[in-house]
Amino acid sequence: MIHLEYYLIVSAVMMFAGIYGFLTRRSTLAILLAIELMLNATDLNFAVFNRMLFPEGHEGYFFALFSIAISAAESAIAIAIMINIYRNVRSIQVKHLEKMKW
C-alpha cells in the first residue's frame, strides 16, 4: 500500500509545476493548462486529506468532484474567450493582448 505522504509529495510537485508554468508561459493556452494542473493538485489534496482525517467519510471526494466540475466549466469558458481573442487579434500570446486593454 502506498503511504499517503507520497500522494502529498506528488500533489506538491504538481502545484509547483503549475505555478512555474503560470509564471513563465506566454501563451494563454499554456497558462490555462498550468491553472488546470494546480486545480488537479488541490483535488488530489482533497482526496488525501479526506482519507487521512476522516477515513469513513466522503466529504473530500465530493469536494474534489465539485472542483472538477467547476474546472471543466472554467476551461470551456476560457477556451471560448481564447477563440474570441484569436478572432480579434490573430494571436493568443499574452504580449499581444495589450490591444484589448483599451
PDB file of N, CA and C in Angstrom:
ATOM      1  N   MET A   1       0.838  -1.180   0.000  1.00  0.00           N
ATOM      2  CA  MET A   1       0.000   0.000   0.000  1.00  0.00           C
ATOM      3  C   MET A   1       0.891   1.254   0.000  1.00  0.00           C
ATOM      4  N   ILE A   2       0.502   2.216  -0.771  1.00  0.00           N
ATOM      5  CA  ILE A   2       1.269   3.460  -0.877  1.00  0.00           C
ATOM      6  C   ILE A   2       0.896   4.368   0.293  1.00  0.00           C
ATOM      7  N   HIS A   3       1.898   4.933   0.931  1.00  0.00           N
ATOM      8  CA  HIS A   3       1.649   5.845   2.043  1.00  0.00           C
ATOM      9  C   HIS A   3       1.042   7.136   1.528  1.00  0.00           C
ATOM     10  N   LEU A   4       0.225   7.761   2.364  1.00  0.00           N
ATOM     11  CA  LEU A   4      -0.470   8.977   1.956  1.00  0.00           C
ATOM     12  C   LEU A   4       0.483  10.155   1.759  1.00  0.00           C
ATOM     13  N   GLU A   5       1.619  10.113   2.408  1.00  0.00           N
ATOM     14  CA  GLU A   5       2.590  11.194   2.254  1.00  0.00           C
ATOM     15  C   GLU A   5       3.113  11.276   0.819  1.00  0.00           C
ATOM     16  N   TYR A   6       3.195  10.143   0.150  1.00  0.00           N
ATOM     17  CA  TYR A   6       3.656  10.146  -1.243  1.00  0.00           C
ATOM     18  C   TYR A   6       2.675  10.883  -2.150  1.00  0.00           C
ATOM     19  N   TYR A   7       1.385  10.728  -1.863  1.00  0.00           N
ATOM     20  CA  TYR A   7       0.388  11.464  -2.624  1.00  0.00           C
ATOM     21  C   TYR A   7       0.534  12.973  -2.399  1.00  0.00           C
ATOM     22  N   LEU A   8       0.846  13.353  -1.174  1.00  0.00           N
ATOM     23  CA  LEU A   8       1.045  14.773  -0.884  1.00  0.00           C
ATOM     24  C   LEU A   8       2.286  15.310  -1.594  1.00  0.00           C
ATOM     25  N   ILE A   9       3.316  14.497  -1.707  1.00  0.00           N
ATOM     26  CA  ILE A   9       4.515  14.924  -2.443  1.00  0.00           C
ATOM     27  C   ILE A   9       4.188  15.102  -3.917  1.00  0.00           C
ATOM     28  N   VAL A  10       3.433  14.175  -4.485  1.00  0.00           N
ATOM     29  CA  VAL A  10       3.024  14.307  -5.892  1.00  0.00           C
ATOM     30  C   VAL A  10       2.164  15.550  -6.078  1.00  0.00           C
ATOM     31  N   SER A  11       1.284  15.808  -5.140  1.00  0.00           N
ATOM     32  CA  SER A  11       0.433  16.987  -5.214  1.00  0.00           C
ATOM     33  C   SER A  11       1.252  18.275  -5.132  1.00  0.00           C
ATOM     34  N   ALA A  12       2.254  18.299  -4.274  1.00  0.00           N
ATOM     35  CA  ALA A  12       3.110  19.481  -4.155  1.00  0.00           C
ATOM     36  C   ALA A  12       3.911  19.707  -5.436  1.00  0.00           C
ATOM     37  N   VAL A  13       4.406  18.626  -6.023  1.00  0.00           N
ATOM     38  CA  VAL A  13       5.146  18.752  -7.285  1.00  0.00           C
ATOM     39  C   VAL A  13       4.225  19.284  -8.384  1.00  0.00           C
ATOM     40  N   MET A  14       2.990  18.771  -8.435  1.00  0.00           N
ATOM     41  CA  MET A  14       2.027  19.256  -9.424  1.00  0.00           C
ATOM     42  C   MET A  14       1.715  20.728  -9.217  1.00  0.00           C
ATOM     43  N   MET A  15       1.572  21.143  -7.963  1.00  0.00           N
ATOM     44  CA  MET A  15       1.264  22.546  -7.673  1.00  0.00           C
ATOM     45  C   MET A  15       2.416  23.451  -8.090  1.00  0.00           C
ATOM     46  N   PHE A  16       3.637  23.078  -7.745  1.00  0.00           N
ATOM     47  CA  PHE A  16       4.783  23.913  -8.112  1.00  0.00           C
ATOM     48  C   PHE A  16       5.013  23.927  -9.625  1.00  0.00           C
ATOM     49  N   ALA A  17       4.744  22.811 -10.292  1.00  0.00           N
ATOM     50  CA  ALA A  17       4.850  22.799 -11.755  1.00  0.00           C
ATOM     51  C   ALA A  17       3.801  23.716 -12.367  1.00  0.00           C
ATOM     52  N   GLY A  18       2.608  23.728 -11.801  1.00  0.00           N
ATOM     53  CA  GLY A  18       1.561  24.629 -12.284  1.00  0.00           C
ATOM     54  C   GLY A  18       1.897  26.088 -12.049  1.00  0.00           C
ATOM     55  N   ILE A  19       2.442  26.393 -10.882  1.00  0.00           N
ATOM     56  CA  ILE A  19       2.838  27.783 -10.595  1.00  0.00           C
ATOM     57  C   ILE A  19       3.962  28.215 -11.515  1.00  0.00           C
ATOM     58  N   TYR A  20       4.929  27.347 -11.726  1.00  0.00           N
ATOM     59  CA  TYR A  20       6.033  27.661 -12.642  1.00  0.00           C
ATOM     60  C   TYR A  20       5.512  27.878 -14.065  1.00  0.00           C
ATOM     61  N   GLY A  21       4.617  27.012 -14.506  1.00  0.00           N
ATOM     62  CA  GLY A  21       4.048  27.157 -15.839  1.00  0.00           C
ATOM     63  C   GLY A  21       3.236  28.429 -15.980  1.00  0.00           C
ATOM     64  N   PHE A  22       2.507  28.790 -14.941  1.00  0.00           N
ATOM     65  CA  PHE A  22       1.706  30.010 -14.990  1.00  0.00           C
ATOM     66  C   PHE A  22       2.576  31.254 -15.075  1.00  0.00           C
ATOM     67  N   LEU A  23       3.683  31.240 -14.354  1.00  0.00           N
ATOM     68  CA  LEU A  23       4.543  32.428 -14.317  1.00  0.00           C
ATOM     69  C   LEU A  23       5.475  32.550 -15.518  1.00  0.00           C
ATOM     70  N   THR A  24       5.761  31.456 -16.202  1.00  0.00           N
ATOM     71  CA  THR A  24       6.763  31.520 -17.268  1.00  0.00           C
ATOM     72  C   THR A  24       6.198  31.420 -18.678  1.00  0.00           C
ATOM     73  N   ARG A  25       4.997  30.944 -18.861  1.00  0.00           N
ATOM     74  CA  ARG A  25       4.462  30.743 -20.208  1.00  0.00           C
ATOM     75  C   ARG A  25       3.931  32.038 -20.788  1.00  0.00           C
ATOM     76  N   ARG A  26       3.956  32.117 -22.106  1.00  0.00           N
ATOM     77  CA  ARG A  26       3.489  33.309 -22.811  1.00  0.00           C
ATOM     78  C   ARG A  26       2.175  33.074 -23.548  1.00  0.00           C
ATOM     79  N   SER A  27       1.814  31.829 -23.760  1.00  0.00           N
ATOM     80  CA  SER A  27       0.580  31.507 -24.469  1.00  0.00           C
ATOM     81  C   SER A  27      -0.562  31.375 -23.461  1.00  0.00           C
ATOM     82  N   THR A  28      -1.715  31.887 -23.818  1.00  0.00           N
ATOM     83  CA  THR A  28      -2.856  31.780 -22.906  1.00  0.00           C
ATOM     84  C   THR A  28      -3.306  30.326 -22.744  1.00  0.00           C
ATOM     85  N   LEU A  29      -3.119  29.516 -23.770  1.00  0.00           N
ATOM     86  CA  LEU A  29      -3.471  28.106 -23.660  1.00  0.00           C
ATOM     87  C   LEU A  29      -2.543  27.388 -22.674  1.00  0.00           C
ATOM     88  N   ALA A  30      -1.259  27.688 -22.698  1.00  0.00           N
ATOM     89  CA  ALA A  30      -0.317  27.087 -21.746  1.00  0.00           C
ATOM     90  C   ALA A  30      -0.613  27.561 -20.322  1.00  0.00           C
ATOM     91  N   ILE A  31      -1.027  28.807 -20.184  1.00  0.00           N
ATOM     92  CA  ILE A  31      -1.397  29.321 -18.859  1.00  0.00           C
ATOM     93  C   ILE A  31      -2.635  28.598 -18.346  1.00  0.00           C
ATOM     94  N   LEU A  32      -3.599  28.349 -19.234  1.00  0.00           N
ATOM     95  CA  LEU A  32      -4.797  27.603 -18.845  1.00  0.00           C
ATOM     96  C   LEU A  32      -4.434  26.189 -18.397  1.00  0.00           C
ATOM     97  N   LEU A  33      -3.525  25.536 -19.101  1.00  0.00           N
ATOM     98  CA  LEU A  33      -3.096  24.194 -18.699  1.00  0.00           C
ATOM     99  C   LEU A  33      -2.389  24.211 -17.349  1.00  0.00           C
ATOM    100  N   ALA A  34      -1.625  25.263 -17.077  1.00  0.00           N
ATOM    101  CA  ALA A  34      -0.957  25.374 -15.777  1.00  0.00           C
ATOM    102  C   ALA A  34      -1.981  25.560 -14.661  1.00  0.00           C
ATOM    103  N   ILE A  35      -3.012  26.331 -14.916  1.00  0.00           N
ATOM    104  CA  ILE A  35      -4.070  26.513 -13.920  1.00  0.00           C
ATOM    105  C   ILE A  35      -4.793  25.195 -13.671  1.00  0.00           C
ATOM    106  N   GLU A  36      -5.041  24.445 -14.725  1.00  0.00           N
ATOM    107  CA  GLU A  36      -5.678  23.137 -14.569  1.00  0.00           C
ATOM    108  C   GLU A  36      -4.803  22.188 -13.756  1.00  0.00           C
ATOM    109  N   LEU A  37      -3.499  22.267 -13.942  1.00  0.00           N
ATOM    110  CA  LEU A  37      -2.583  21.439 -13.162  1.00  0.00           C
ATOM    111  C   LEU A  37      -2.663  21.792 -11.681  1.00  0.00           C
ATOM    112  N   MET A  38      -2.751  23.083 -11.379  1.00  0.00           N
ATOM    113  CA  MET A  38      -2.890  23.493  -9.977  1.00  0.00           C
ATOM    114  C   MET A  38      -4.219  23.030  -9.389  1.00  0.00           C
ATOM    115  N   LEU A  39      -5.292  23.088 -10.179  1.00  0.00           N
ATOM    116  CA  LEU A  39      -6.589  22.617  -9.689  1.00  0.00           C
ATOM    117  C   LEU A  39      -6.574  21.113  -9.451  1.00  0.00           C
ATOM    118  N   ASN A  40      -5.889  20.372 -10.297  1.00  0.00           N
ATOM    119  CA  ASN A  40      -5.783  18.926 -10.082  1.00  0.00           C
ATOM    120  C   ASN A  40      -4.982  18.603  -8.822  1.00  0.00           C
ATOM    121  N   ALA A  41      -3.993  19.419  -8.519  1.00  0.00           N
ATOM    122  CA  ALA A  41      -3.235  19.222  -7.283  1.00  0.00           C
ATOM    123  C   ALA A  41      -4.128  19.435  -6.064  1.00  0.00           C
ATOM    124  N   THR A  42      -4.999  20.423  -6.118  1.00  0.00           N
ATOM    125  CA  THR A  42      -5.909  20.639  -4.992  1.00  0.00           C
ATOM    126  C   THR A  42      -6.932  19.513  -4.881  1.00  0.00           C
ATOM    127  N   ASP A  43      -7.378  18.971  -6.009  1.00  0.00           N
ATOM    128  CA  ASP A  43      -8.304  17.837  -5.961  1.00  0.00           C
ATOM    129  C   ASP A  43      -7.647  16.621  -5.310  1.00  0.00           C
ATOM    130  N   LEU A  44      -6.395  16.403  -5.635  1.00  0.00           N
ATOM    131  CA  LEU A  44      -5.665  15.305  -5.010  1.00  0.00           C
ATOM    132  C   LEU A  44      -5.527  15.527  -3.505  1.00  0.00           C
ATOM    133  N   ASN A  45      -5.288  16.770  -3.113  1.00  0.00           N
ATOM    134  CA  ASN A  45      -5.209  17.080  -1.683  1.00  0.00           C
ATOM    135  C   ASN A  45      -6.543  16.849  -0.982  1.00  0.00           C
ATOM    136  N   PHE A  46      -7.656  17.211  -1.630  1.00  0.00           N
ATOM    137  CA  PHE A  46      -8.963  16.943  -1.042  1.00  0.00           C
ATOM    138  C   PHE A  46      -9.127  15.464  -0.738  1.00  0.00           C
ATOM    139  N   ALA A  47      -8.797  14.631  -1.698  1.00  0.00           N
ATOM    140  CA  ALA A  47      -8.966  13.192  -1.511  1.00  0.00           C
ATOM    141  C   ALA A  47      -8.022  12.646  -0.445  1.00  0.00           C
ATOM    142  N   VAL A  48      -6.778  13.107  -0.448  1.00  0.00           N
ATOM    143  CA  VAL A  48      -5.798  12.580   0.515  1.00  0.00           C
ATOM    144  C   VAL A  48      -6.143  13.005   1.936  1.00  0.00           C
ATOM    145  N   PHE A  49      -6.482  14.276   2.120  1.00  0.00           N
ATOM    146  CA  PHE A  49      -6.809  14.722   3.472  1.00  0.00           C
ATOM    147  C   PHE A  49      -8.112  14.117   3.967  1.00  0.00           C
ATOM    148  N   ASN A  50      -9.034  13.848   3.064  1.00  0.00           N
ATOM    149  CA  ASN A  50     -10.244  13.150   3.484  1.00  0.00           C
ATOM    150  C   ASN A  50      -9.899  11.750   3.968  1.00  0.00           C
ATOM    151  N   ARG A  51      -9.031  11.077   3.250  1.00  0.00           N
ATOM    152  CA  ARG A  51      -8.629   9.725   3.634  1.00  0.00           C
ATOM    153  C   ARG A  51      -7.847   9.732   4.947  1.00  0.00           C
ATOM    154  N   MET A  52      -7.045  10.796   5.148  1.00  0.00           N
ATOM    155  CA  MET A  52      -6.209  10.875   6.337  1.00  0.00           C
ATOM    156  C   MET A  52      -7.021  11.248   7.585  1.00  0.00           C
ATOM    157  N   LEU A  53      -7.916  12.220   7.450  1.00  0.00           N
ATOM    158  CA  LEU A  53      -8.624  12.739   8.620  1.00  0.00           C
ATOM    159  C   LEU A  53      -9.940  12.022   8.896  1.00  0.00           C
ATOM    160  N   PHE A  54     -10.674  11.680   7.854  1.00  0.00           N
ATOM    161  CA  PHE A  54     -11.982  11.041   8.008  1.00  0.00           C
ATOM    162  C   PHE A  54     -12.039   9.800   7.119  1.00  0.00           C
ATOM    163  N   PRO A  55     -11.470   8.688   7.565  1.00  0.00           N
ATOM    164  CA  PRO A  55     -11.386   7.500   6.705  1.00  0.00           C
ATOM    165  C   PRO A  55     -12.745   6.953   6.275  1.00  0.00           C
ATOM    166  N   GLU A  56     -13.777   7.174   7.069  1.00  0.00           N
ATOM    167  CA  GLU A  56     -15.097   6.637   6.735  1.00  0.00           C
ATOM    168  C   GLU A  56     -15.958   7.638   5.968  1.00  0.00           C
ATOM    169  N   GLY A  57     -15.545   8.897   5.921  1.00  0.00           N
ATOM    170  CA  GLY A  57     -16.354   9.924   5.266  1.00  0.00           C
ATOM    171  C   GLY A  57     -16.021  10.079   3.793  1.00  0.00           C
ATOM    172  N   HIS A  58     -16.903  10.787   3.115  1.00  0.00           N
ATOM    173  CA  HIS A  58     -16.736  11.002   1.683  1.00  0.00           C
ATOM    174  C   HIS A  58     -16.768  12.484   1.306  1.00  0.00           C
ATOM    175  N   GLU A  59     -16.622  13.360   2.287  1.00  0.00           N
ATOM    176  CA  GLU A  59     -16.732  14.783   2.005  1.00  0.00           C
ATOM    177  C   GLU A  59     -15.632  15.277   1.071  1.00  0.00           C
ATOM    178  N   GLY A  60     -14.418  14.822   1.283  1.00  0.00           N
ATOM    179  CA  GLY A  60     -13.308  15.250   0.443  1.00  0.00           C
ATOM    180  C   GLY A  60     -13.481  14.825  -1.005  1.00  0.00           C
ATOM    181  N   TYR A  61     -14.062  13.656  -1.208  1.00  0.00           N
ATOM    182  CA  TYR A  61     -14.299  13.184  -2.571  1.00  0.00           C
ATOM    183  C   TYR A  61     -15.365  14.035  -3.259  1.00  0.00           C
ATOM    184  N   PHE A  62     -16.388  14.434  -2.489  1.00  0.00           N
ATOM    185  CA  PHE A  62     -17.420  15.280  -3.078  1.00  0.00           C
ATOM    186  C   PHE A  62     -16.879  16.670  -3.389  1.00  0.00           C
ATOM    187  N   PHE A  63     -16.015  17.182  -2.516  1.00  0.00           N
ATOM    188  CA  PHE A  63     -15.366  18.465  -2.813  1.00  0.00           C
ATOM    189  C   PHE A  63     -14.519  18.356  -4.078  1.00  0.00           C
ATOM    190  N   ALA A  64     -13.810  17.275  -4.227  1.00  0.00           N
ATOM    191  CA  ALA A  64     -12.984  17.071  -5.421  1.00  0.00           C
ATOM    192  C   ALA A  64     -13.856  16.954  -6.663  1.00  0.00           C
ATOM    193  N   LEU A  65     -14.959  16.245  -6.567  1.00  0.00           N
ATOM    194  CA  LEU A  65     -15.874  16.112  -7.704  1.00  0.00           C
ATOM    195  C   LEU A  65     -16.473  17.465  -8.079  1.00  0.00           C
ATOM    196  N   PHE A  66     -16.850  18.242  -7.095  1.00  0.00           N
ATOM    197  CA  PHE A  66     -17.380  19.583  -7.342  1.00  0.00           C
ATOM    198  C   PHE A  66     -16.312  20.467  -7.975  1.00  0.00           C
ATOM    199  N   SER A  67     -15.101  20.361  -7.505  1.00  0.00           N
ATOM    200  CA  SER A  67     -13.999  21.143  -8.060  1.00  0.00           C
ATOM    201  C   SER A  67     -13.698  20.742  -9.505  1.00  0.00           C
ATOM    202  N   ILE A  68     -13.789  19.468  -9.822  1.00  0.00           N
ATOM    203  CA  ILE A  68     -13.580  19.013 -11.192  1.00  0.00           C
ATOM    204  C   ILE A  68     -14.655  19.575 -12.110  1.00  0.00           C
ATOM    205  N   ALA A  69     -15.895  19.603 -11.638  1.00  0.00           N
ATOM    206  CA  ALA A  69     -16.983  20.162 -12.444  1.00  0.00           C
ATOM    207  C   ALA A  69     -16.777  21.653 -12.682  1.00  0.00           C
ATOM    208  N   ILE A  70     -16.344  22.365 -11.670  1.00  0.00           N
ATOM    209  CA  ILE A  70     -16.098  23.803 -11.825  1.00  0.00           C
ATOM    210  C   ILE A  70     -14.918  24.046 -12.755  1.00  0.00           C
ATOM    211  N   SER A  71     -13.865  23.248 -12.648  1.00  0.00           N
ATOM    212  CA  SER A  71     -12.717  23.452 -13.533  1.00  0.00           C
ATOM    213  C   SER A  71     -13.053  23.102 -14.974  1.00  0.00           C
ATOM    214  N   ALA A  72     -13.960  22.162 -15.202  1.00  0.00           N
ATOM    215  CA  ALA A  72     -14.393  21.863 -16.570  1.00  0.00           C
ATOM    216  C   ALA A  72     -15.164  23.038 -17.157  1.00  0.00           C
ATOM    217  N   ALA A  73     -16.029  23.638 -16.362  1.00  0.00           N
ATOM    218  CA  ALA A  73     -16.767  24.816 -16.833  1.00  0.00           C
ATOM    219  C   ALA A  73     -15.822  25.993 -17.059  1.00  0.00           C
ATOM    220  N   GLU A  74     -14.853  26.142 -16.182  1.00  0.00           N
ATOM    221  CA  GLU A  74     -13.863  27.217 -16.330  1.00  0.00           C
ATOM    222  C   GLU A  74     -13.044  27.029 -17.598  1.00  0.00           C
ATOM    223  N   SER A  75     -12.697  25.794 -17.907  1.00  0.00           N
ATOM    224  CA  SER A  75     -11.926  25.526 -19.130  1.00  0.00           C
ATOM    225  C   SER A  75     -12.742  25.833 -20.375  1.00  0.00           C
ATOM    226  N   ALA A  76     -14.010  25.469 -20.364  1.00  0.00           N
ATOM    227  CA  ALA A  76     -14.860  25.747 -21.525  1.00  0.00           C
ATOM    228  C   ALA A  76     -14.996  27.247 -21.756  1.00  0.00           C
ATOM    229  N   ILE A  77     -15.176  28.004 -20.696  1.00  0.00           N
ATOM    230  CA  ILE A  77     -15.300  29.454 -20.830  1.00  0.00           C
ATOM    231  C   ILE A  77     -13.981  30.060 -21.273  1.00  0.00           C
ATOM    232  N   ALA A  78     -12.872  29.585 -20.722  1.00  0.00           N
ATOM    233  CA  ALA A  78     -11.560  30.132 -21.085  1.00  0.00           C
ATOM    234  C   ALA A  78     -11.233  29.833 -22.548  1.00  0.00           C
ATOM    235  N   ILE A  79     -11.574  28.665 -23.030  1.00  0.00           N
ATOM    236  CA  ILE A  79     -11.318  28.350 -24.439  1.00  0.00           C
ATOM    237  C   ILE A  79     -12.199  29.201 -25.344  1.00  0.00           C
ATOM    238  N   ALA A  80     -13.437  29.460 -24.933  1.00  0.00           N
ATOM    239  CA  ALA A  80     -14.297  30.347 -25.716  1.00  0.00           C
ATOM    240  C   ALA A  80     -13.725  31.766 -25.761  1.00  0.00           C
ATOM    241  N   ILE A  81     -13.176  32.228 -24.654  1.00  0.00           N
ATOM    242  CA  ILE A  81     -12.541  33.552 -24.630  1.00  0.00           C
ATOM    243  C   ILE A  81     -11.314  33.559 -25.529  1.00  0.00           C
ATOM    244  N   MET A  82     -10.523  32.476 -25.504  1.00  0.00           N
ATOM    245  CA  MET A  82      -9.336  32.402 -26.368  1.00  0.00           C
ATOM    246  C   MET A  82      -9.712  32.411 -27.842  1.00  0.00           C
ATOM    247  N   ILE A  83     -10.794  31.747 -28.192  1.00  0.00           N
ATOM    248  CA  ILE A  83     -11.245  31.760 -29.589  1.00  0.00           C
ATOM    249  C   ILE A  83     -11.633  33.171 -29.990  1.00  0.00           C
ATOM    250  N   ASN A  84     -12.321  33.883 -29.105  1.00  0.00           N
ATOM    251  CA  ASN A  84     -12.711  35.261 -29.390  1.00  0.00           C
ATOM    252  C   ASN A  84     -11.481  36.167 -29.499  1.00  0.00           C
ATOM    253  N   ILE A  85     -10.501  35.960 -28.654  1.00  0.00           N
ATOM    254  CA  ILE A  85      -9.257  36.739 -28.729  1.00  0.00           C
ATOM    255  C   ILE A  85      -8.551  36.457 -30.050  1.00  0.00           C
ATOM    256  N   TYR A  86      -8.498  35.207 -30.458  1.00  0.00           N
ATOM    257  CA  TYR A  86      -7.825  34.866 -31.713  1.00  0.00           C
ATOM    258  C   TYR A  86      -8.535  35.495 -32.908  1.00  0.00           C
ATOM    259  N   ARG A  87      -9.853  35.568 -32.860  1.00  0.00           N
ATOM    260  CA  ARG A  87     -10.597  36.202 -33.953  1.00  0.00           C
ATOM    261  C   ARG A  87     -10.281  37.688 -34.068  1.00  0.00           C
ATOM    262  N   ASN A  88     -10.064  38.342 -32.934  1.00  0.00           N
ATOM    263  CA  ASN A  88      -9.822  39.789 -32.943  1.00  0.00           C
ATOM    264  C   ASN A  88      -8.359  40.152 -33.146  1.00  0.00           C
ATOM    265  N   VAL A  89      -7.453  39.421 -32.535  1.00  0.00           N
ATOM    266  CA  VAL A  89      -6.040  39.798 -32.517  1.00  0.00           C
ATOM    267  C   VAL A  89      -5.197  38.911 -33.433  1.00  0.00           C
ATOM    268  N   ARG A  90      -5.673  37.728 -33.785  1.00  0.00           N
ATOM    269  CA  ARG A  90      -4.960  36.742 -34.599  1.00  0.00           C
ATOM    270  C   ARG A  90      -3.761  36.128 -33.878  1.00  0.00           C
ATOM    271  N   SER A  91      -3.796  36.154 -32.566  1.00  0.00           N
ATOM    272  CA  SER A  91      -2.749  35.541 -31.763  1.00  0.00           C
ATOM    273  C   SER A  91      -3.308  35.285 -30.370  1.00  0.00           C
ATOM    274  N   ILE A  92      -2.811  34.240 -29.708  1.00  0.00           N
ATOM    275  CA  ILE A  92      -3.213  34.010 -28.320  1.00  0.00           C
ATOM    276  C   ILE A  92      -2.039  34.223 -27.372  1.00  0.00           C
ATOM    277  N   GLN A  93      -1.013  34.904 -27.845  1.00  0.00           N
ATOM    278  CA  GLN A  93       0.126  35.232 -26.989  1.00  0.00           C
ATOM    279  C   GLN A  93      -0.267  36.371 -26.054  1.00  0.00           C
ATOM    280  N   VAL A  94       0.199  36.308 -24.817  1.00  0.00           N
ATOM    281  CA  VAL A  94      -0.174  37.296 -23.814  1.00  0.00           C
ATOM    282  C   VAL A  94       0.350  38.684 -24.178  1.00  0.00           C
ATOM    283  N   LYS A  95       1.506  38.754 -24.812  1.00  0.00           N
ATOM    284  CA  LYS A  95       2.078  40.060 -25.140  1.00  0.00           C
ATOM    285  C   LYS A  95       1.256  40.802 -26.193  1.00  0.00           C
ATOM    286  N   HIS A  96       0.459  40.096 -26.974  1.00  0.00           N
ATOM    287  CA  HIS A  96      -0.361  40.735 -27.994  1.00  0.00           C
ATOM    288  C   HIS A  96      -1.714  41.193 -27.460  1.00  0.00           C
ATOM    289  N   LEU A  97      -1.989  40.947 -26.200  1.00  0.00           N
ATOM    290  CA  LEU A  97      -3.275  41.329 -25.625  1.00  0.00           C
ATOM    291  C   LEU A  97      -3.317  42.774 -25.164  1.00  0.00           C
ATOM    292  N   GLU A  98      -2.254  43.519 -25.359  1.00  0.00           N
ATOM    293  CA  GLU A  98      -2.240  44.930 -24.999  1.00  0.00           C
ATOM    294  C   GLU A  98      -3.276  45.703 -25.789  1.00  0.00           C
ATOM    295  N   LYS A  99      -3.589  45.259 -26.995  1.00  0.00           N
ATOM    296  CA  LYS A  99      -4.580  45.939 -27.827  1.00  0.00           C
ATOM    297  C   LYS A  99      -5.967  45.880 -27.203  1.00  0.00           C
ATOM    298  N   MET A 100      -6.249  44.864 -26.450  1.00  0.00           N
ATOM    299  CA  MET A 100      -7.583  44.685 -25.905  1.00  0.00           C
ATOM    300  C   MET A 100      -7.808  45.442 -24.594  1.00  0.00           C
ATOM    301  N   LYS A 101      -6.770  46.062 -24.050  1.00  0.00           N
ATOM    302  CA  LYS A 101      -6.950  46.780 -22.791  1.00  0.00           C
ATOM    303  C   LYS A 101      -7.839  47.995 -22.956  1.00  0.00           C
ATOM    304  N   TRP A 102      -7.675  48.726 -24.030  1.00  0.00           N
ATOM    305  CA  TRP A 102      -8.448  49.960 -24.192  1.00  0.00           C
ATOM    306  C   TRP A 102      -9.372  49.776 -25.312  1.00  0.00           C
TER     307      TRP A 102
END
